[in-house]
C-alpha atoms as a PDB file:
ATOM      1  CA  MET A   1     -54.301  63.071 -78.480  1.00  0.00           C
ATOM      2  CA  ARG A   2     -52.716  65.179 -75.853  1.00  0.00           C
ATOM      3  CA  PRO A   3     -49.107  64.587 -74.833  1.00  0.00           C
ATOM      4  CA  ALA A   4     -50.095  63.922 -71.208  1.00  0.00           C
ATOM      5  CA  ALA A   5     -52.521  61.226 -72.249  1.00  0.00           C
ATOM      6  CA  VAL A   6     -49.911  59.610 -74.487  1.00  0.00           C
ATOM      7  CA  ALA A   7     -47.394  59.475 -71.631  1.00  0.00           C
ATOM      8  CA  ALA A   8     -49.917  57.940 -69.260  1.00  0.00           C
ATOM      9  CA  THR A   9     -50.837  55.296 -71.816  1.00  0.00           C
ATOM     10  CA  ALA A  10     -47.159  54.363 -72.359  1.00  0.00           C
ATOM     11  CA  THR A  11     -46.557  54.063 -68.620  1.00  0.00           C
ATOM     12  CA  ALA A  12     -49.573  51.799 -68.149  1.00  0.00           C
ATOM     13  CA  THR A  13     -48.479  49.607 -71.052  1.00  0.00           C
ATOM     14  CA  ALA A  14     -44.960  49.205 -69.606  1.00  0.00           C
ATOM     15  CA  ALA A  15     -46.366  48.310 -66.208  1.00  0.00           C
ATOM     16  CA  ALA A  16     -48.639  45.707 -67.745  1.00  0.00           C
ATOM     17  CA  LEU A  17     -45.698  44.132 -69.568  1.00  0.00           C
ATOM     18  CA  ARG A  18     -43.650  43.932 -66.343  1.00  0.00           C
ATOM     19  CA  LEU A  19     -46.507  42.268 -64.508  1.00  0.00           C
ATOM     20  CA  ARG A  20     -46.942  39.743 -67.297  1.00  0.00           C
ATOM     21  CA  THR A  21     -43.200  38.909 -67.281  1.00  0.00           C
ATOM     22  CA  ALA A  22     -43.160  38.446 -63.488  1.00  0.00           C
ATOM     23  CA  GLY A  23     -46.187  36.179 -63.624  1.00  0.00           C
ATOM     24  CA  ALA A  24     -44.550  34.059 -66.283  1.00  0.00           C
ATOM     25  CA  SER A  25     -41.405  33.656 -64.201  1.00  0.00           C
ATOM     26  CA  LEU A  26     -43.410  32.620 -61.117  1.00  0.00           C
ATOM     27  CA  SER A  27     -45.425  30.084 -63.052  1.00  0.00           C
ATOM     28  CA  ALA A  28     -42.289  28.535 -64.567  1.00  0.00           C
ATOM     29  CA  PRO A  29     -41.318  25.020 -63.343  1.00  0.00           C
ATOM     30  CA  PRO A  30     -38.608  24.695 -60.597  1.00  0.00           C
ATOM     31  CA  ALA A  31     -36.177  23.163 -63.048  1.00  0.00           C
ATOM     32  CA  ALA A  32     -36.170  26.394 -64.999  1.00  0.00           C
ATOM     33  CA  LEU A  33     -35.016  28.299 -61.882  1.00  0.00           C
ATOM     34  CA  LEU A  34     -32.106  25.816 -61.192  1.00  0.00           C
ATOM     35  CA  THR A  35     -29.340  26.875 -63.497  1.00  0.00           C
ATOM     36  CA  PRO A  36     -26.272  24.635 -64.068  1.00  0.00           C
ATOM     37  CA  ARG A  37     -24.115  26.909 -61.956  1.00  0.00           C
ATOM     38  CA  ARG A  38     -26.556  26.804 -59.047  1.00  0.00           C
ATOM     39  CA  ALA A  39     -26.816  23.016 -59.340  1.00  0.00           C
ATOM     40  CA  ALA A  40     -23.038  22.661 -59.154  1.00  0.00           C
ATOM     41  CA  LEU A  41     -22.898  24.805 -56.019  1.00  0.00           C
ATOM     42  CA  LEU A  42     -25.615  22.722 -54.330  1.00  0.00           C
ATOM     43  CA  LEU A  43     -24.192  19.306 -55.263  1.00  0.00           C
ATOM     44  CA  LEU A  44     -20.606  20.051 -54.176  1.00  0.00           C
ATOM     45  CA  PRO A  45     -21.273  19.785 -50.374  1.00  0.00           C
ATOM     46  CA  LEU A  46     -23.322  16.624 -50.941  1.00  0.00           C
ATOM     47  CA  ARG A  47     -20.432  15.013 -52.797  1.00  0.00           C
ATOM     48  CA  ARG A  48     -18.070  15.856 -49.922  1.00  0.00           C
ATOM     49  CA  LEU A  49     -20.411  14.284 -47.377  1.00  0.00           C
ATOM     50  CA  CYS A  50     -20.941  11.103 -49.373  1.00  0.00           C
ATOM     51  CA  SER A  51     -17.329  10.551 -50.412  1.00  0.00           C
ATOM     52  CA  PRO A  52     -15.124   8.437 -47.978  1.00  0.00           C
ATOM     53  CA  ALA A  53     -12.731  10.432 -45.798  1.00  0.00           C
ATOM     54  CA  LEU A  54      -9.117  10.168 -46.768  1.00  0.00           C
ATOM     55  CA  PRO A  55      -6.650   9.234 -44.009  1.00  0.00           C
ATOM     56  CA  HIS A  56      -4.897  12.156 -42.419  1.00  0.00           C
ATOM     57  CA  ALA A  57      -1.293  12.614 -43.144  1.00  0.00           C
ATOM     58  CA  SER A  58      -0.407  12.429 -39.430  1.00  0.00           C
ATOM     59  CA  ALA A  59      -1.982   8.947 -39.156  1.00  0.00           C
ATOM     60  CA  ALA A  60       0.567   7.457 -41.499  1.00  0.00           C
ATOM     61  CA  PRO A  61       2.846   4.955 -39.728  1.00  0.00           C
ATOM     62  CA  ASP A  62       5.940   6.558 -41.179  1.00  0.00           C
ATOM     63  CA  SER A  63       5.176   9.858 -39.443  1.00  0.00           C
ATOM     64  CA  GLN A  64       5.455   8.402 -35.859  1.00  0.00           C
ATOM     65  CA  PRO A  65       8.776   8.872 -34.061  1.00  0.00           C
ATOM     66  CA  PRO A  66      10.827   5.706 -33.555  1.00  0.00           C
ATOM     67  CA  PRO A  67      10.742   4.176 -30.035  1.00  0.00           C
ATOM     68  CA  ARG A  68      13.587   5.060 -27.718  1.00  0.00           C
ATOM     69  CA  LEU A  69      15.947   2.277 -26.807  1.00  0.00           C
ATOM     70  CA  PRO A  70      16.670   1.740 -23.071  1.00  0.00           C
ATOM     71  CA  SER A  71      19.918   3.140 -21.808  1.00  0.00           C
ATOM     72  CA  PRO A  72      22.520   0.524 -20.804  1.00  0.00           C
ATOM     73  CA  ILE A  73      23.550   2.677 -17.831  1.00  0.00           C
ATOM     74  CA  MET A  74      20.002   2.813 -16.475  1.00  0.00           C
ATOM     75  CA  ASP A  75      19.598  -0.933 -16.955  1.00  0.00           C
ATOM     76  CA  ALA A  76      22.757  -1.587 -14.967  1.00  0.00           C
ATOM     77  CA  GLN A  77      21.609   0.657 -12.115  1.00  0.00           C
ATOM     78  CA  PHE A  78      18.192  -0.981 -11.849  1.00  0.00           C
ATOM     79  CA  GLU A  79      19.727  -4.438 -12.109  1.00  0.00           C
ATOM     80  CA  SER A  80      21.907  -3.691  -9.080  1.00  0.00           C
ATOM     81  CA  PHE A  81      18.923  -2.301  -7.201  1.00  0.00           C
ATOM     82  CA  ARG A  82      16.868  -5.396  -8.039  1.00  0.00           C
ATOM     83  CA  ALA A  83      19.639  -7.641  -6.728  1.00  0.00           C
ATOM     84  CA  GLN A  84      19.725  -5.715  -3.436  1.00  0.00           C
ATOM     85  CA  LEU A  85      15.958  -6.097  -3.048  1.00  0.00           C
ATOM     86  CA  ASP A  86      16.191  -9.836  -3.643  1.00  0.00           C
ATOM     87  CA  GLU A  87      18.940 -10.205  -1.036  1.00  0.00           C
ATOM     88  CA  SER A  88      16.970  -8.150   1.490  1.00  0.00           C
ATOM     89  CA  SER A  89      13.825 -10.193   0.879  1.00  0.00           C
ATOM     90  CA  THR A  90      15.711 -13.468   1.346  1.00  0.00           C
ATOM     91  CA  LEU A  91      17.307 -12.235   4.573  1.00  0.00           C
ATOM     92  CA  ARG A  92      13.966 -11.035   5.912  1.00  0.00           C
ATOM     93  CA  ASP A  93      12.397 -14.430   5.229  1.00  0.00           C
ATOM     94  CA  ARG A  94      15.149 -16.122   7.237  1.00  0.00           C
ATOM     95  CA  ILE A  95      14.649 -13.687  10.115  1.00  0.00           C
ATOM     96  CA  ARG A  96      10.906 -14.260  10.149  1.00  0.00           C
ATOM     97  CA  ALA A  97      11.389 -18.015  10.192  1.00  0.00           C
ATOM     98  CA  VAL A  98      13.460 -17.766  13.401  1.00  0.00           C
ATOM     99  CA  VAL A  99      11.098 -15.205  14.934  1.00  0.00           C
ATOM    100  CA  SER A 100       8.173 -17.530  14.287  1.00  0.00           C
ATOM    101  CA  GLU A 101       9.879 -20.187  16.421  1.00  0.00           C
ATOM    102  CA  VAL A 102      10.548 -17.589  19.136  1.00  0.00           C
ATOM    103  CA  GLU A 103       6.873 -16.707  19.194  1.00  0.00           C
ATOM    104  CA  SER A 104       5.881 -20.374  19.442  1.00  0.00           C
ATOM    105  CA  ALA A 105       8.240 -21.037  22.378  1.00  0.00           C
ATOM    106  CA  SER A 106       7.076 -17.855  24.110  1.00  0.00           C
ATOM    107  CA  ARG A 107       3.466 -18.986  23.888  1.00  0.00           C
ATOM    108  CA  VAL A 108       4.333 -22.333  25.454  1.00  0.00           C
ATOM    109  CA  ALA A 109       6.126 -20.592  28.336  1.00  0.00           C
ATOM    110  CA  THR A 110       3.247 -18.156  28.845  1.00  0.00           C
ATOM    111  CA  ALA A 111       0.761 -21.022  28.885  1.00  0.00           C
ATOM    112  CA  ALA A 112       2.845 -22.739  31.566  1.00  0.00           C
ATOM    113  CA  LEU A 113       2.864 -19.563  33.661  1.00  0.00           C
ATOM    114  CA  LEU A 114      -0.930 -19.458  33.610  1.00  0.00           C
ATOM    115  CA  LEU A 115      -0.878 -22.252  36.184  1.00  0.00           C
ATOM    116  CA  VAL A 116       0.361 -19.715  38.715  1.00  0.00           C
ATOM    117  CA  HIS A 117      -3.223 -18.496  38.947  1.00  0.00           C
ATOM    118  CA  GLN A 118      -4.203 -21.943  40.194  1.00  0.00           C
ATOM    119  CA  PRO A 119      -3.277 -23.647  43.478  1.00  0.00           C
ATOM    120  CA  VAL A 120      -0.196 -25.266  41.909  1.00  0.00           C
ATOM    121  CA  PRO A 121       3.297 -25.279  43.470  1.00  0.00           C
ATOM    122  CA  LEU A 122       5.352 -22.387  42.148  1.00  0.00           C
ATOM    123  CA  GLU A 123       8.397 -24.571  41.489  1.00  0.00           C
ATOM    124  CA  ASP A 124       6.455 -26.731  39.049  1.00  0.00           C
ATOM    125  CA  VAL A 125       5.144 -23.697  37.192  1.00  0.00           C
ATOM    126  CA  LEU A 126       8.543 -22.033  36.855  1.00  0.00           C
ATOM    127  CA  GLY A 127      10.265 -25.278  35.862  1.00  0.00           C
ATOM    128  CA  LYS A 128       8.199 -25.668  32.696  1.00  0.00           C
ATOM    129  CA  ALA A 129       8.599 -22.005  31.784  1.00  0.00           C
ATOM    130  CA  LYS A 130      12.379 -22.019  32.310  1.00  0.00           C
ATOM    131  CA  ALA A 131      12.738 -24.911  29.885  1.00  0.00           C
ATOM    132  CA  GLN A 132      11.211 -22.751  27.161  1.00  0.00           C
ATOM    133  CA  VAL A 133      13.433 -19.813  28.109  1.00  0.00           C
ATOM    134  CA  GLU A 134      16.483 -21.898  27.192  1.00  0.00           C
ATOM    135  CA  VAL A 135      14.891 -22.674  23.835  1.00  0.00           C
ATOM    136  CA  ILE A 136      14.241 -18.978  23.240  1.00  0.00           C
ATOM    137  CA  LYS A 137      17.838 -18.147  24.159  1.00  0.00           C
ATOM    138  CA  GLY A 138      19.102 -20.533  21.489  1.00  0.00           C
ATOM    139  CA  LEU A 139      16.759 -19.014  18.906  1.00  0.00           C
ATOM    140  CA  TYR A 140      18.056 -15.514  19.632  1.00  0.00           C
ATOM    141  CA  ALA A 141      21.563 -16.856  19.074  1.00  0.00           C
ATOM    142  CA  GLN A 142      20.449 -18.039  15.622  1.00  0.00           C
ATOM    143  CA  LEU A 143      18.911 -14.651  14.947  1.00  0.00           C
ATOM    144  CA  ALA A 144      22.173 -12.938  15.893  1.00  0.00           C
ATOM    145  CA  GLU A 145      24.039 -15.128  13.393  1.00  0.00           C
ATOM    146  CA  VAL A 146      21.642 -14.132  10.631  1.00  0.00           C
ATOM    147  CA  LEU A 147      22.073 -10.433  11.399  1.00  0.00           C
ATOM    148  CA  LYS A 148      25.846 -10.731  11.126  1.00  0.00           C
ATOM    149  CA  GLU A 149      25.332 -10.927   7.369  1.00  0.00           C
ATOM    150  CA  CYS A 150      24.019  -7.343   7.339  1.00  0.00           C
ATOM    151  CA  PRO A 151      26.194  -5.354   9.763  1.00  0.00           C
ATOM    152  CA  GLY A 152      24.952  -1.905  10.685  1.00  0.00           C
ATOM    153  CA  GLN A 153      21.352  -2.659   9.688  1.00  0.00           C
ATOM    154  CA  TYR A 154      19.930  -3.706  13.062  1.00  0.00           C
ATOM    155  CA  TYR A 155      17.046  -1.235  13.024  1.00  0.00           C
ATOM    156  CA  ARG A 156      16.246  -1.946   9.396  1.00  0.00           C
ATOM    157  CA  TYR A 157      14.952  -5.390  10.394  1.00  0.00           C
ATOM    158  CA  HIS A 158      14.165  -4.623  14.028  1.00  0.00           C
ATOM    159  CA  GLY A 159      10.435  -4.488  13.339  1.00  0.00           C
ATOM    160  CA  ASP A 160      10.445  -8.180  12.394  1.00  0.00           C
ATOM    161  CA  TRP A 161      11.145  -9.325  15.980  1.00  0.00           C
ATOM    162  CA  LYS A 162      10.095  -6.271  18.004  1.00  0.00           C
ATOM    163  CA  ALA A 163       6.657  -7.469  19.156  1.00  0.00           C
ATOM    164  CA  GLU A 164       7.883 -10.991  19.927  1.00  0.00           C
ATOM    165  CA  THR A 165      10.790  -9.642  21.989  1.00  0.00           C
ATOM    166  CA  GLN A 166       8.470  -7.441  24.025  1.00  0.00           C
ATOM    167  CA  ALA A 167       6.294 -10.458  24.822  1.00  0.00           C
ATOM    168  CA  VAL A 168       9.374 -12.467  25.851  1.00  0.00           C
ATOM    169  CA  VAL A 169      10.590  -9.675  28.150  1.00  0.00           C
ATOM    170  CA  SER A 170       7.145  -9.477  29.740  1.00  0.00           C
ATOM    171  CA  MET A 171       7.231 -13.196  30.424  1.00  0.00           C
ATOM    172  CA  LEU A 172      10.780 -13.033  31.850  1.00  0.00           C
ATOM    173  CA  ALA A 173       9.905 -10.078  34.075  1.00  0.00           C
ATOM    174  CA  PHE A 174       6.881 -11.903  35.462  1.00  0.00           C
ATOM    175  CA  MET A 175       8.951 -15.006  36.173  1.00  0.00           C
ATOM    176  CA  HIS A 176      11.601 -12.884  37.881  1.00  0.00           C
ATOM    177  CA  TRP A 177       8.955 -11.232  40.035  1.00  0.00           C
ATOM    178  CA  LEU A 178       7.515 -14.609  41.021  1.00  0.00           C
ATOM    179  CA  GLU A 179      10.970 -15.839  42.076  1.00  0.00           C
ATOM    180  CA  THR A 180      12.444 -12.771  43.743  1.00  0.00           C
ATOM    181  CA  GLY A 181       9.638 -10.264  44.160  1.00  0.00           C
ATOM    182  CA  GLY A 182      11.810  -7.661  42.437  1.00  0.00           C
ATOM    183  CA  LEU A 183      12.042  -5.934  39.089  1.00  0.00           C
ATOM    184  CA  LEU A 184      13.955  -7.499  36.210  1.00  0.00           C
ATOM    185  CA  MET A 185      16.682  -5.108  35.105  1.00  0.00           C
ATOM    186  CA  HIS A 186      17.722  -4.497  31.516  1.00  0.00           C
ATOM    187  CA  ALA A 187      21.113  -6.149  31.904  1.00  0.00           C
ATOM    188  CA  GLU A 188      19.523  -9.211  33.512  1.00  0.00           C
ATOM    189  CA  ALA A 189      17.026  -9.545  30.666  1.00  0.00           C
ATOM    190  CA  GLN A 190      19.846  -9.375  28.119  1.00  0.00           C
ATOM    191  CA  GLU A 191      21.772 -12.049  29.985  1.00  0.00           C
ATOM    192  CA  LYS A 192      18.773 -14.387  30.125  1.00  0.00           C
ATOM    193  CA  LEU A 193      18.361 -14.043  26.346  1.00  0.00           C
ATOM    194  CA  GLY A 194      22.078 -14.227  25.566  1.00  0.00           C
ATOM    195  CA  LEU A 195      22.117 -10.730  24.081  1.00  0.00           C
ATOM    196  CA  SER A 196      24.628  -9.099  26.395  1.00  0.00           C
ATOM    197  CA  SER A 197      27.386  -8.740  23.803  1.00  0.00           C
ATOM    198  CA  GLY A 198      27.776  -7.923  20.134  1.00  0.00           C
ATOM    199  CA  GLU A 199      25.752  -5.693  17.853  1.00  0.00           C
ATOM    200  CA  PHE A 200      22.524  -7.628  18.399  1.00  0.00           C
ATOM    201  CA  SER A 201      21.284  -6.529  21.830  1.00  0.00           C
ATOM    202  CA  LEU A 202      18.016  -5.934  23.657  1.00  0.00           C
ATOM    203  CA  ASP A 203      16.538  -2.595  22.656  1.00  0.00           C
ATOM    204  CA  VAL A 204      15.674  -0.387  25.640  1.00  0.00           C
ATOM    205  CA  GLU A 205      12.256   0.424  24.206  1.00  0.00           C
ATOM    206  CA  ASP A 206      11.422  -3.271  23.875  1.00  0.00           C
ATOM    207  CA  TYR A 207      12.541  -3.834  27.474  1.00  0.00           C
ATOM    208  CA  LEU A 208      10.370  -1.024  28.858  1.00  0.00           C
ATOM    209  CA  THR A 209       7.347  -2.051  26.802  1.00  0.00           C
ATOM    210  CA  GLY A 210       7.706  -5.614  28.069  1.00  0.00           C
ATOM    211  CA  LEU A 211       7.664  -4.348  31.650  1.00  0.00           C
ATOM    212  CA  CYS A 212       4.433  -2.491  30.943  1.00  0.00           C
ATOM    213  CA  PHE A 213       2.866  -5.686  29.617  1.00  0.00           C
ATOM    214  CA  MET A 214       3.988  -7.555  32.742  1.00  0.00           C
ATOM    215  CA  SER A 215       1.862  -5.305  34.945  1.00  0.00           C
ATOM    216  CA  ASN A 216      -1.271  -7.001  33.590  1.00  0.00           C
ATOM    217  CA  GLU A 217      -0.134 -10.385  34.874  1.00  0.00           C
ATOM    218  CA  PHE A 218       0.928  -8.809  38.163  1.00  0.00           C
ATOM    219  CA  VAL A 219      -2.587  -7.554  38.923  1.00  0.00           C
ATOM    220  CA  ARG A 220      -4.184 -10.762  37.690  1.00  0.00           C
ATOM    221  CA  SER A 221      -1.938 -12.914  39.870  1.00  0.00           C
ATOM    222  CA  SER A 222      -2.638 -10.848  42.975  1.00  0.00           C
ATOM    223  CA  THR A 223      -6.382 -11.126  42.385  1.00  0.00           C
ATOM    224  CA  HIS A 224      -6.299 -14.901  42.023  1.00  0.00           C
ATOM    225  CA  GLN A 225      -4.061 -15.390  45.051  1.00  0.00           C
ATOM    226  CA  THR A 226      -6.516 -13.373  47.119  1.00  0.00           C
ATOM    227  CA  LYS A 227      -9.295 -15.596  45.826  1.00  0.00           C
ATOM    228  CA  TYR A 228      -7.447 -18.673  47.093  1.00  0.00           C
ATOM    229  CA  SER A 229      -6.657 -16.925  50.423  1.00  0.00           C
ATOM    230  CA  SER A 230      -2.918 -16.975  49.752  1.00  0.00           C
ATOM    231  CA  TYR A 231      -2.218 -13.691  51.498  1.00  0.00           C
ATOM    232  CA  ASP A 232       1.354 -14.624  52.343  1.00  0.00           C
ATOM    233  CA  PHE A 233       2.121 -14.821  48.619  1.00  0.00           C
ATOM    234  CA  ILE A 234       0.880 -11.274  48.084  1.00  0.00           C
ATOM    235  CA  LEU A 235       2.538  -9.752  51.146  1.00  0.00           C
ATOM    236  CA  CYS A 236       5.925 -11.273  50.468  1.00  0.00           C
ATOM    237  CA  LYS A 237       5.911  -9.809  46.980  1.00  0.00           C
END
């Protein structure tokens, strides 16, 4: 046999053997392909997923910092501040109690002045209103006594009686106009309310606002007097 033929035969035989070996490996069962090492590598992640998670070291109670204790100095400061708030709240409640009575008396006087829009003698109308003015004057005296407990803090609590004082000034100015036909001055309003001396006085802004409110009653009164043909009342004013 020629050498070339021998070499070709050997090559074909080797190729046939390789094909037979590959076919045997493909036809082998899956368990034969899973070696112990490969099985260990595949089962390790499954064991980690199925095993319970261990608590983290940071979740241990001993690892948390201890709570800070309050400072005695800060406690003392806030305790003093709390006491001041309680005193201010108590004082404000007392002021509002007096102001509530002022508002009630002012409403009674204003209701009495409504009769001026009717054909009623002026003396009778003013008599009922003046009786309430004396009551209001006494209430402002009580309010002044309360404010003596907090000297220098007039405008801190001024908002508690501001609106009521403006209504009272409006009523006093209207009464003064009915009696004299003139404008009630600031000093006269203070005297009628007993606020002409001391720290507790009539604020100028409250006085001017009260005069502005009085203009509504002025126009209303003139209209009603014209309705009842009381032209002398309008002309003399």
